[in-house]
Amino acid sequence: MATAIRVLFVDDDPGILDIGKQFLEQSGDFSVTTATSAPDAIRLLGQERFEVIVSDYQMPEMNGFAFLKQVRMTGIRSVYTVVLRFLLLHPLLQRPCLNLGEA
């Protein structure tokens, strides 16, 4: 069996984290680490390598775009970064995310 894809899932709602983690890990293709805030996620990114970062957009301490900018400023790279919720609902929010090199 291939090594599981490492995912960092960031959301301030523990319920969303639990559901997302269960959903992604059920196939065995993903290994999910969760963080309840952007600062916690940045700390984890300094300690471990992740191929995918999935982040909520609307979080209290730092929104998803600010988190993504902070991650990029530290030089940490992942293969894919996804900012959830408003990205799909509001086309105007797609441009800033695409400008950061994310899809």
PDB file of N, CA and C in Angstrom:
ATOM      1  N   MET A   1       0.838  -1.183   0.000  1.00  0.00           N
ATOM      2  CA  MET A   1       0.000   0.000   0.000  1.00  0.00           C
ATOM      3  C   MET A   1       0.886   1.250   0.000  1.00  0.00           C
ATOM      4  N   ALA A   2       0.506   2.245  -0.774  1.00  0.00           N
ATOM      5  CA  ALA A   2       1.254   3.502  -0.861  1.00  0.00           C
ATOM      6  C   ALA A   2       1.119   4.293   0.443  1.00  0.00           C
ATOM      7  N   THR A   3       2.070   5.169   0.653  1.00  0.00           N
ATOM      8  CA  THR A   3       2.015   6.030   1.827  1.00  0.00           C
ATOM      9  C   THR A   3       0.832   6.976   1.718  1.00  0.00           C
ATOM     10  N   ALA A   4       0.134   7.180   2.815  1.00  0.00           N
ATOM     11  CA  ALA A   4      -1.029   8.070   2.829  1.00  0.00           C
ATOM     12  C   ALA A   4      -0.595   9.513   2.577  1.00  0.00           C
ATOM     13  N   ILE A   5      -1.429  10.251   1.882  1.00  0.00           N
ATOM     14  CA  ILE A   5      -1.195  11.666   1.621  1.00  0.00           C
ATOM     15  C   ILE A   5      -1.453  12.429   2.913  1.00  0.00           C
ATOM     16  N   ARG A   6      -0.486  13.242   3.316  1.00  0.00           N
ATOM     17  CA  ARG A   6      -0.586  13.982   4.580  1.00  0.00           C
ATOM     18  C   ARG A   6      -1.360  15.274   4.370  1.00  0.00           C
ATOM     19  N   VAL A   7      -2.431  15.454   5.133  1.00  0.00           N
ATOM     20  CA  VAL A   7      -3.313  16.611   5.027  1.00  0.00           C
ATOM     21  C   VAL A   7      -3.334  17.354   6.354  1.00  0.00           C
ATOM     22  N   LEU A   8      -3.194  18.675   6.281  1.00  0.00           N
ATOM     23  CA  LEU A   8      -3.416  19.536   7.450  1.00  0.00           C
ATOM     24  C   LEU A   8      -4.746  20.227   7.238  1.00  0.00           C
ATOM     25  N   PHE A   9      -5.705  19.989   8.125  1.00  0.00           N
ATOM     26  CA  PHE A   9      -7.055  20.533   8.019  1.00  0.00           C
ATOM     27  C   PHE A   9      -7.228  21.559   9.138  1.00  0.00           C
ATOM     28  N   VAL A  10      -7.507  22.820   8.762  1.00  0.00           N
ATOM     29  CA  VAL A  10      -7.579  23.932   9.712  1.00  0.00           C
ATOM     30  C   VAL A  10      -8.988  24.515   9.723  1.00  0.00           C
ATOM     31  N   ASP A  11      -9.615  24.527  10.883  1.00  0.00           N
ATOM     32  CA  ASP A  11     -10.948  25.107  11.037  1.00  0.00           C
ATOM     33  C   ASP A  11     -11.162  25.388  12.514  1.00  0.00           C
ATOM     34  N   ASP A  12     -11.846  26.484  12.834  1.00  0.00           N
ATOM     35  CA  ASP A  12     -12.094  26.803  14.237  1.00  0.00           C
ATOM     36  C   ASP A  12     -13.265  26.016  14.811  1.00  0.00           C
ATOM     37  N   ASP A  13     -13.958  25.244  13.985  1.00  0.00           N
ATOM     38  CA  ASP A  13     -15.095  24.442  14.435  1.00  0.00           C
ATOM     39  C   ASP A  13     -14.652  22.984  14.583  1.00  0.00           C
ATOM     40  N   PRO A  14     -14.512  22.496  15.827  1.00  0.00           N
ATOM     41  CA  PRO A  14     -14.055  21.114  16.036  1.00  0.00           C
ATOM     42  C   PRO A  14     -14.963  20.077  15.381  1.00  0.00           C
ATOM     43  N   GLY A  15     -16.256  20.361  15.288  1.00  0.00           N
ATOM     44  CA  GLY A  15     -17.188  19.431  14.641  1.00  0.00           C
ATOM     45  C   GLY A  15     -16.876  19.250  13.164  1.00  0.00           C
ATOM     46  N   ILE A  16     -16.566  20.348  12.485  1.00  0.00           N
ATOM     47  CA  ILE A  16     -16.191  20.284  11.071  1.00  0.00           C
ATOM     48  C   ILE A  16     -14.892  19.490  10.923  1.00  0.00           C
ATOM     49  N   LEU A  17     -13.939  19.735  11.823  1.00  0.00           N
ATOM     50  CA  LEU A  17     -12.671  19.005  11.773  1.00  0.00           C
ATOM     51  C   LEU A  17     -12.892  17.504  11.933  1.00  0.00           C
ATOM     52  N   ASP A  18     -13.734  17.111  12.882  1.00  0.00           N
ATOM     53  CA  ASP A  18     -13.997  15.691  13.119  1.00  0.00           C
ATOM     54  C   ASP A  18     -14.629  15.032  11.898  1.00  0.00           C
ATOM     55  N   ILE A  19     -15.642  15.677  11.334  1.00  0.00           N
ATOM     56  CA  ILE A  19     -16.331  15.120  10.166  1.00  0.00           C
ATOM     57  C   ILE A  19     -15.373  15.038   8.970  1.00  0.00           C
ATOM     58  N   GLY A  20     -14.630  16.118   8.732  1.00  0.00           N
ATOM     59  CA  GLY A  20     -13.691  16.137   7.607  1.00  0.00           C
ATOM     60  C   GLY A  20     -12.609  15.085   7.746  1.00  0.00           C
ATOM     61  N   LYS A  21     -12.088  14.946   8.939  1.00  0.00           N
ATOM     62  CA  LYS A  21     -11.048  13.946   9.195  1.00  0.00           C
ATOM     63  C   LYS A  21     -11.579  12.537   8.946  1.00  0.00           C
ATOM     64  N   GLN A  22     -12.756  12.243   9.472  1.00  0.00           N
ATOM     65  CA  GLN A  22     -13.355  10.921   9.272  1.00  0.00           C
ATOM     66  C   GLN A  22     -13.603  10.653   7.789  1.00  0.00           C
ATOM     67  N   PHE A  23     -14.140  11.640   7.085  1.00  0.00           N
ATOM     68  CA  PHE A  23     -14.449  11.482   5.674  1.00  0.00           C
ATOM     69  C   PHE A  23     -13.185  11.215   4.860  1.00  0.00           C
ATOM     70  N   LEU A  24     -12.148  12.013   5.089  1.00  0.00           N
ATOM     71  CA  LEU A  24     -10.922  11.872   4.305  1.00  0.00           C
ATOM     72  C   LEU A  24     -10.150  10.594   4.632  1.00  0.00           C
ATOM     73  N   GLU A  25     -10.171  10.191   5.887  1.00  0.00           N
ATOM     74  CA  GLU A  25      -9.382   9.025   6.277  1.00  0.00           C
ATOM     75  C   GLU A  25     -10.074   7.691   6.004  1.00  0.00           C
ATOM     76  N   GLN A  26     -11.369   7.703   5.693  1.00  0.00           N
ATOM     77  CA  GLN A  26     -12.081   6.434   5.521  1.00  0.00           C
ATOM     78  C   GLN A  26     -11.552   5.593   4.367  1.00  0.00           C
ATOM     79  N   SER A  27     -10.984   6.218   3.341  1.00  0.00           N
ATOM     80  CA  SER A  27     -10.463   5.458   2.208  1.00  0.00           C
ATOM     81  C   SER A  27      -9.085   4.866   2.498  1.00  0.00           C
ATOM     82  N   GLY A  28      -8.394   5.424   3.493  1.00  0.00           N
ATOM     83  CA  GLY A  28      -7.041   5.000   3.783  1.00  0.00           C
ATOM     84  C   GLY A  28      -5.994   5.720   2.954  1.00  0.00           C
ATOM     85  N   ASP A  29      -6.432   6.602   2.040  1.00  0.00           N
ATOM     86  CA  ASP A  29      -5.516   7.334   1.170  1.00  0.00           C
ATOM     87  C   ASP A  29      -4.947   8.586   1.829  1.00  0.00           C
ATOM     88  N   PHE A  30      -5.592   9.053   2.908  1.00  0.00           N
ATOM     89  CA  PHE A  30      -5.196  10.301   3.550  1.00  0.00           C
ATOM     90  C   PHE A  30      -4.931  10.093   5.030  1.00  0.00           C
ATOM     91  N   SER A  31      -3.947  10.824   5.537  1.00  0.00           N
ATOM     92  CA  SER A  31      -3.677  10.899   6.963  1.00  0.00           C
ATOM     93  C   SER A  31      -3.874  12.366   7.345  1.00  0.00           C
ATOM     94  N   VAL A  32      -4.856  12.645   8.197  1.00  0.00           N
ATOM     95  CA  VAL A  32      -5.266  14.017   8.481  1.00  0.00           C
ATOM     96  C   VAL A  32      -4.843  14.442   9.884  1.00  0.00           C
ATOM     97  N   THR A  33      -4.182  15.598   9.944  1.00  0.00           N
ATOM     98  CA  THR A  33      -3.858  16.261  11.199  1.00  0.00           C
ATOM     99  C   THR A  33      -4.721  17.517  11.251  1.00  0.00           C
ATOM    100  N   THR A  34      -5.308  17.814  12.398  1.00  0.00           N
ATOM    101  CA  THR A  34      -6.205  18.966  12.498  1.00  0.00           C
ATOM    102  C   THR A  34      -5.611  20.054  13.384  1.00  0.00           C
ATOM    103  N   ALA A  35      -6.037  21.288  13.108  1.00  0.00           N
ATOM    104  CA  ALA A  35      -5.667  22.449  13.918  1.00  0.00           C
ATOM    105  C   ALA A  35      -6.890  23.342  14.034  1.00  0.00           C
ATOM    106  N   THR A  36      -7.142  23.873  15.231  1.00  0.00           N
ATOM    107  CA  THR A  36      -8.324  24.706  15.458  1.00  0.00           C
ATOM    108  C   THR A  36      -8.060  26.198  15.264  1.00  0.00           C
ATOM    109  N   SER A  37      -6.855  26.554  14.840  1.00  0.00           N
ATOM    110  CA  SER A  37      -6.557  27.960  14.559  1.00  0.00           C
ATOM    111  C   SER A  37      -5.394  28.044  13.580  1.00  0.00           C
ATOM    112  N   ALA A  38      -5.305  29.171  12.906  1.00  0.00           N
ATOM    113  CA  ALA A  38      -4.200  29.394  11.978  1.00  0.00           C
ATOM    114  C   ALA A  38      -2.850  29.400  12.708  1.00  0.00           C
ATOM    115  N   PRO A  39      -2.719  30.063  13.866  1.00  0.00           N
ATOM    116  CA  PRO A  39      -1.434  30.007  14.569  1.00  0.00           C
ATOM    117  C   PRO A  39      -1.011  28.579  14.938  1.00  0.00           C
ATOM    118  N   ASP A  40      -1.971  27.747  15.364  1.00  0.00           N
ATOM    119  CA  ASP A  40      -1.649  26.345  15.659  1.00  0.00           C
ATOM    120  C   ASP A  40      -1.190  25.621  14.399  1.00  0.00           C
ATOM    121  N   ALA A  41      -1.841  25.911  13.279  1.00  0.00           N
ATOM    122  CA  ALA A  41      -1.478  25.285  12.003  1.00  0.00           C
ATOM    123  C   ALA A  41      -0.073  25.695  11.580  1.00  0.00           C
ATOM    124  N   ILE A  42       0.270  26.956  11.749  1.00  0.00           N
ATOM    125  CA  ILE A  42       1.608  27.433  11.387  1.00  0.00           C
ATOM    126  C   ILE A  42       2.670  26.733  12.239  1.00  0.00           C
ATOM    127  N   ARG A  43       2.354  26.540  13.517  1.00  0.00           N
ATOM    128  CA  ARG A  43       3.276  25.808  14.394  1.00  0.00           C
ATOM    129  C   ARG A  43       3.465  24.374  13.889  1.00  0.00           C
ATOM    130  N   LEU A  44       2.368  23.700  13.530  1.00  0.00           N
ATOM    131  CA  LEU A  44       2.456  22.335  13.014  1.00  0.00           C
ATOM    132  C   LEU A  44       3.243  22.270  11.707  1.00  0.00           C
ATOM    133  N   LEU A  45       3.053  23.277  10.855  1.00  0.00           N
ATOM    134  CA  LEU A  45       3.775  23.312   9.583  1.00  0.00           C
ATOM    135  C   LEU A  45       5.281  23.465   9.793  1.00  0.00           C
ATOM    136  N   GLY A  46       5.671  24.056  10.901  1.00  0.00           N
ATOM    137  CA  GLY A  46       7.084  24.165  11.223  1.00  0.00           C
ATOM    138  C   GLY A  46       7.679  22.859  11.729  1.00  0.00           C
ATOM    139  N   GLN A  47       6.816  21.922  12.131  1.00  0.00           N
ATOM    140  CA  GLN A  47       7.272  20.660  12.712  1.00  0.00           C
ATOM    141  C   GLN A  47       7.131  19.468  11.764  1.00  0.00           C
ATOM    142  N   GLU A  48       6.159  19.536  10.858  1.00  0.00           N
ATOM    143  CA  GLU A  48       5.847  18.401   9.992  1.00  0.00           C
ATOM    144  C   GLU A  48       5.643  18.882   8.558  1.00  0.00           C
ATOM    145  N   ARG A  49       5.732  17.946   7.606  1.00  0.00           N
ATOM    146  CA  ARG A  49       5.486  18.256   6.203  1.00  0.00           C
ATOM    147  C   ARG A  49       4.122  17.705   5.800  1.00  0.00           C
ATOM    148  N   PHE A  50       3.359  18.528   5.092  1.00  0.00           N
ATOM    149  CA  PHE A  50       2.044  18.131   4.596  1.00  0.00           C
ATOM    150  C   PHE A  50       1.991  18.347   3.092  1.00  0.00           C
ATOM    151  N   GLU A  51       1.365  17.422   2.391  1.00  0.00           N
ATOM    152  CA  GLU A  51       1.192  17.577   0.951  1.00  0.00           C
ATOM    153  C   GLU A  51       0.003  18.481   0.620  1.00  0.00           C
ATOM    154  N   VAL A  52      -0.980  18.500   1.518  1.00  0.00           N
ATOM    155  CA  VAL A  52      -2.212  19.267   1.289  1.00  0.00           C
ATOM    156  C   VAL A  52      -2.555  20.049   2.545  1.00  0.00           C
ATOM    157  N   ILE A  53      -2.956  21.309   2.355  1.00  0.00           N
ATOM    158  CA  ILE A  53      -3.483  22.129   3.444  1.00  0.00           C
ATOM    159  C   ILE A  53      -4.915  22.494   3.067  1.00  0.00           C
ATOM    160  N   VAL A  54      -5.856  22.175   3.941  1.00  0.00           N
ATOM    161  CA  VAL A  54      -7.259  22.554   3.758  1.00  0.00           C
ATOM    162  C   VAL A  54      -7.593  23.502   4.902  1.00  0.00           C
ATOM    163  N   SER A  55      -8.042  24.708   4.553  1.00  0.00           N
ATOM    164  CA  SER A  55      -8.299  25.713   5.583  1.00  0.00           C
ATOM    165  C   SER A  55      -9.666  26.345   5.400  1.00  0.00           C
ATOM    166  N   ASP A  56     -10.304  26.606   6.509  1.00  0.00           N
ATOM    167  CA  ASP A  56     -11.510  27.412   6.516  1.00  0.00           C
ATOM    168  C   ASP A  56     -11.118  28.832   6.121  1.00  0.00           C
ATOM    169  N   TYR A  57     -12.051  29.581   5.571  1.00  0.00           N
ATOM    170  CA  TYR A  57     -11.775  30.978   5.255  1.00  0.00           C
ATOM    171  C   TYR A  57     -12.002  31.862   6.478  1.00  0.00           C
ATOM    172  N   GLN A  58     -13.157  31.679   7.122  1.00  0.00           N
ATOM    173  CA  GLN A  58     -13.580  32.581   8.190  1.00  0.00           C
ATOM    174  C   GLN A  58     -13.220  32.001   9.555  1.00  0.00           C
ATOM    175  N   MET A  59     -12.091  32.478  10.107  1.00  0.00           N
ATOM    176  CA  MET A  59     -11.647  32.046  11.430  1.00  0.00           C
ATOM    177  C   MET A  59     -11.373  33.298  12.262  1.00  0.00           C
ATOM    178  N   PRO A  60     -11.514  33.218  13.586  1.00  0.00           N
ATOM    179  CA  PRO A  60     -11.432  34.422  14.422  1.00  0.00           C
ATOM    180  C   PRO A  60     -10.065  35.105  14.478  1.00  0.00           C
ATOM    181  N   GLU A  61      -8.989  34.369  14.622  1.00  0.00           N
ATOM    182  CA  GLU A  61      -7.684  35.006  14.805  1.00  0.00           C
ATOM    183  C   GLU A  61      -7.043  35.453  13.497  1.00  0.00           C
ATOM    184  N   MET A  62      -7.257  34.675  12.445  1.00  0.00           N
ATOM    185  CA  MET A  62      -6.630  34.941  11.152  1.00  0.00           C
ATOM    186  C   MET A  62      -7.466  34.233  10.097  1.00  0.00           C
ATOM    187  N   ASN A  63      -7.951  34.974   9.079  1.00  0.00           N
ATOM    188  CA  ASN A  63      -8.781  34.312   8.077  1.00  0.00           C
ATOM    189  C   ASN A  63      -7.913  33.446   7.147  1.00  0.00           C
ATOM    190  N   GLY A  64      -8.573  32.704   6.275  1.00  0.00           N
ATOM    191  CA  GLY A  64      -7.876  31.765   5.405  1.00  0.00           C
ATOM    192  C   GLY A  64      -6.855  32.411   4.486  1.00  0.00           C
ATOM    193  N   PHE A  65      -7.169  33.587   3.942  1.00  0.00           N
ATOM    194  CA  PHE A  65      -6.212  34.266   3.062  1.00  0.00           C
ATOM    195  C   PHE A  65      -5.000  34.756   3.846  1.00  0.00           C
ATOM    196  N   ALA A  66      -5.221  35.323   5.024  1.00  0.00           N
ATOM    197  CA  ALA A  66      -4.103  35.780   5.854  1.00  0.00           C
ATOM    198  C   ALA A  66      -3.233  34.588   6.259  1.00  0.00           C
ATOM    199  N   PHE A  67      -3.869  33.481   6.578  1.00  0.00           N
ATOM    200  CA  PHE A  67      -3.138  32.260   6.917  1.00  0.00           C
ATOM    201  C   PHE A  67      -2.286  31.808   5.737  1.00  0.00           C
ATOM    202  N   LEU A  68      -2.879  31.781   4.550  1.00  0.00           N
ATOM    203  CA  LEU A  68      -2.156  31.366   3.356  1.00  0.00           C
ATOM    204  C   LEU A  68      -0.971  32.290   3.077  1.00  0.00           C
ATOM    205  N   LYS A  69      -1.172  33.592   3.225  1.00  0.00           N
ATOM    206  CA  LYS A  69      -0.072  34.544   3.031  1.00  0.00           C
ATOM    207  C   LYS A  69       1.043  34.296   4.045  1.00  0.00           C
ATOM    208  N   GLN A  70       0.666  34.057   5.304  1.00  0.00           N
ATOM    209  CA  GLN A  70       1.659  33.787   6.348  1.00  0.00           C
ATOM    210  C   GLN A  70       2.450  32.523   6.026  1.00  0.00           C
ATOM    211  N   VAL A  71       1.756  31.486   5.577  1.00  0.00           N
ATOM    212  CA  VAL A  71       2.428  30.239   5.210  1.00  0.00           C
ATOM    213  C   VAL A  71       3.415  30.498   4.085  1.00  0.00           C
ATOM    214  N   ARG A  72       3.007  31.252   3.075  1.00  0.00           N
ATOM    215  CA  ARG A  72       3.893  31.543   1.939  1.00  0.00           C
ATOM    216  C   ARG A  72       5.097  32.377   2.372  1.00  0.00           C
ATOM    217  N   MET A  73       4.896  33.307   3.301  1.00  0.00           N
ATOM    218  CA  MET A  73       6.004  34.150   3.769  1.00  0.00           C
ATOM    219  C   MET A  73       7.055  33.334   4.518  1.00  0.00           C
ATOM    220  N   THR A  74       6.644  32.249   5.160  1.00  0.00           N
ATOM    221  CA  THR A  74       7.592  31.420   5.895  1.00  0.00           C
ATOM    222  C   THR A  74       8.352  30.481   4.967  1.00  0.00           C
ATOM    223  N   GLY A  75       7.923  30.411   3.701  1.00  0.00           N
ATOM    224  CA  GLY A  75       8.591  29.546   2.741  1.00  0.00           C
ATOM    225  C   GLY A  75       8.112  28.111   2.761  1.00  0.00           C
ATOM    226  N   ILE A  76       7.113  27.811   3.569  1.00  0.00           N
ATOM    227  CA  ILE A  76       6.568  26.463   3.628  1.00  0.00           C
ATOM    228  C   ILE A  76       5.754  26.227   2.358  1.00  0.00           C
ATOM    229  N   ARG A  77       5.970  25.089   1.747  1.00  0.00           N
ATOM    230  CA  ARG A  77       5.249  24.749   0.517  1.00  0.00           C
ATOM    231  C   ARG A  77       4.508  23.433   0.712  1.00  0.00           C
ATOM    232  N   SER A  78       3.318  23.387   0.153  1.00  0.00           N
ATOM    233  CA  SER A  78       2.569  22.143   0.073  1.00  0.00           C
ATOM    234  C   SER A  78       2.227  21.961  -1.392  1.00  0.00           C
ATOM    235  N   VAL A  79       1.841  20.786  -1.768  1.00  0.00           N
ATOM    236  CA  VAL A  79       1.474  20.544  -3.148  1.00  0.00           C
ATOM    237  C   VAL A  79       0.180  21.278  -3.476  1.00  0.00           C
ATOM    238  N   TYR A  80      -0.808  21.213  -2.582  1.00  0.00           N
ATOM    239  CA  TYR A  80      -2.098  21.867  -2.778  1.00  0.00           C
ATOM    240  C   TYR A  80      -2.514  22.578  -1.497  1.00  0.00           C
ATOM    241  N   THR A  81      -3.116  23.734  -1.673  1.00  0.00           N
ATOM    242  CA  THR A  81      -3.731  24.431  -0.551  1.00  0.00           C
ATOM    243  C   THR A  81      -5.138  24.812  -0.975  1.00  0.00           C
ATOM    244  N   VAL A  82      -6.114  24.526  -0.135  1.00  0.00           N
ATOM    245  CA  VAL A  82      -7.511  24.810  -0.438  1.00  0.00           C
ATOM    246  C   VAL A  82      -8.074  25.667   0.689  1.00  0.00           C
ATOM    247  N   VAL A  83      -8.703  26.793   0.325  1.00  0.00           N
ATOM    248  CA  VAL A  83      -9.394  27.621   1.304  1.00  0.00           C
ATOM    249  C   VAL A  83     -10.881  27.371   1.109  1.00  0.00           C
ATOM    250  N   LEU A  84     -11.554  26.914   2.160  1.00  0.00           N
ATOM    251  CA  LEU A  84     -12.942  26.481   2.071  1.00  0.00           C
ATOM    252  C   LEU A  84     -13.972  27.571   2.333  1.00  0.00           C
ATOM    253  N   ARG A  85     -15.191  27.203   2.096  1.00  0.00           N
ATOM    254  CA  ARG A  85     -16.432  27.919   2.337  1.00  0.00           C
ATOM    255  C   ARG A  85     -16.689  29.017   1.322  1.00  0.00           C
ATOM    256  N   PHE A  86     -16.238  30.234   1.565  1.00  0.00           N
ATOM    257  CA  PHE A  86     -16.635  31.349   0.727  1.00  0.00           C
ATOM    258  C   PHE A  86     -15.992  31.325  -0.658  1.00  0.00           C
ATOM    259  N   LEU A  87     -14.929  30.581  -0.833  1.00  0.00           N
ATOM    260  CA  LEU A  87     -14.254  30.534  -2.123  1.00  0.00           C
ATOM    261  C   LEU A  87     -15.210  30.098  -3.225  1.00  0.00           C
ATOM    262  N   LEU A  88     -15.972  29.068  -2.983  1.00  0.00           N
ATOM    263  CA  LEU A  88     -16.884  28.577  -4.013  1.00  0.00           C
ATOM    264  C   LEU A  88     -18.147  29.419  -4.121  1.00  0.00           C
ATOM    265  N   LEU A  89     -18.555  30.049  -3.054  1.00  0.00           N
ATOM    266  CA  LEU A  89     -19.788  30.822  -3.057  1.00  0.00           C
ATOM    267  C   LEU A  89     -19.614  32.222  -3.630  1.00  0.00           C
ATOM    268  N   HIS A  90     -18.460  32.809  -3.486  1.00  0.00           N
ATOM    269  CA  HIS A  90     -18.227  34.182  -3.908  1.00  0.00           C
ATOM    270  C   HIS A  90     -17.111  34.249  -4.949  1.00  0.00           C
ATOM    271  N   PRO A  91     -17.461  34.383  -6.231  1.00  0.00           N
ATOM    272  CA  PRO A  91     -16.440  34.433  -7.280  1.00  0.00           C
ATOM    273  C   PRO A  91     -15.401  35.526  -7.064  1.00  0.00           C
ATOM    274  N   LEU A  92     -15.755  36.630  -6.406  1.00  0.00           N
ATOM    275  CA  LEU A  92     -14.785  37.697  -6.171  1.00  0.00           C
ATOM    276  C   LEU A  92     -13.655  37.248  -5.254  1.00  0.00           C
ATOM    277  N   LEU A  93     -13.899  36.230  -4.419  1.00  0.00           N
ATOM    278  CA  LEU A  93     -12.863  35.725  -3.536  1.00  0.00           C
ATOM    279  C   LEU A  93     -11.946  34.729  -4.240  1.00  0.00           C
ATOM    280  N   GLN A  94     -12.352  34.252  -5.427  1.00  0.00           N
ATOM    281  CA  GLN A  94     -11.520  33.304  -6.144  1.00  0.00           C
ATOM    282  C   GLN A  94     -10.243  33.968  -6.642  1.00  0.00           C
ATOM    283  N   ARG A  95     -10.318  35.215  -7.105  1.00  0.00           N
ATOM    284  CA  ARG A  95      -9.151  35.905  -7.674  1.00  0.00           C
ATOM    285  C   ARG A  95      -7.993  36.026  -6.677  1.00  0.00           C
ATOM    286  N   PRO A  96      -8.221  36.522  -5.436  1.00  0.00           N
ATOM    287  CA  PRO A  96      -7.086  36.603  -4.498  1.00  0.00           C
ATOM    288  C   PRO A  96      -6.439  35.246  -4.239  1.00  0.00           C
ATOM    289  N   CYS A  97      -7.248  34.211  -4.159  1.00  0.00           N
ATOM    290  CA  CYS A  97      -6.688  32.887  -3.916  1.00  0.00           C
ATOM    291  C   CYS A  97      -5.883  32.409  -5.111  1.00  0.00           C
ATOM    292  N   LEU A  98      -6.387  32.621  -6.295  1.00  0.00           N
ATOM    293  CA  LEU A  98      -5.654  32.238  -7.507  1.00  0.00           C
ATOM    294  C   LEU A  98      -4.368  33.040  -7.646  1.00  0.00           C
ATOM    295  N   ASN A  99      -4.397  34.307  -7.234  1.00  0.00           N
ATOM    296  CA  ASN A  99      -3.190  35.140  -7.286  1.00  0.00           C
ATOM    297  C   ASN A  99      -2.103  34.626  -6.358  1.00  0.00           C
ATOM    298  N   LEU A 100      -2.496  33.896  -5.318  1.00  0.00           N
ATOM    299  CA  LEU A 100      -1.522  33.312  -4.395  1.00  0.00           C
ATOM    300  C   LEU A 100      -1.016  31.977  -4.889  1.00  0.00           C
ATOM    301  N   GLY A 101      -1.466  31.588  -6.089  1.00  0.00           N
ATOM    302  CA  GLY A 101      -0.999  30.339  -6.683  1.00  0.00           C
ATOM    303  C   GLY A 101      -1.782  29.132  -6.237  1.00  0.00           C
ATOM    304  N   GLU A 102      -2.986  29.333  -5.787  1.00  0.00           N
ATOM    305  CA  GLU A 102      -3.806  28.234  -5.293  1.00  0.00           C
ATOM    306  C   GLU A 102      -5.007  28.045  -6.187  1.00  0.00           C
ATOM    307  N   ALA A 103      -5.541  26.837  -6.176  1.00  0.00           N
ATOM    308  CA  ALA A 103      -6.744  26.540  -6.960  1.00  0.00           C
ATOM    309  C   ALA A 103      -7.772  25.882  -6.067  1.00  0.00           C
TER     310      ALA A 103
END
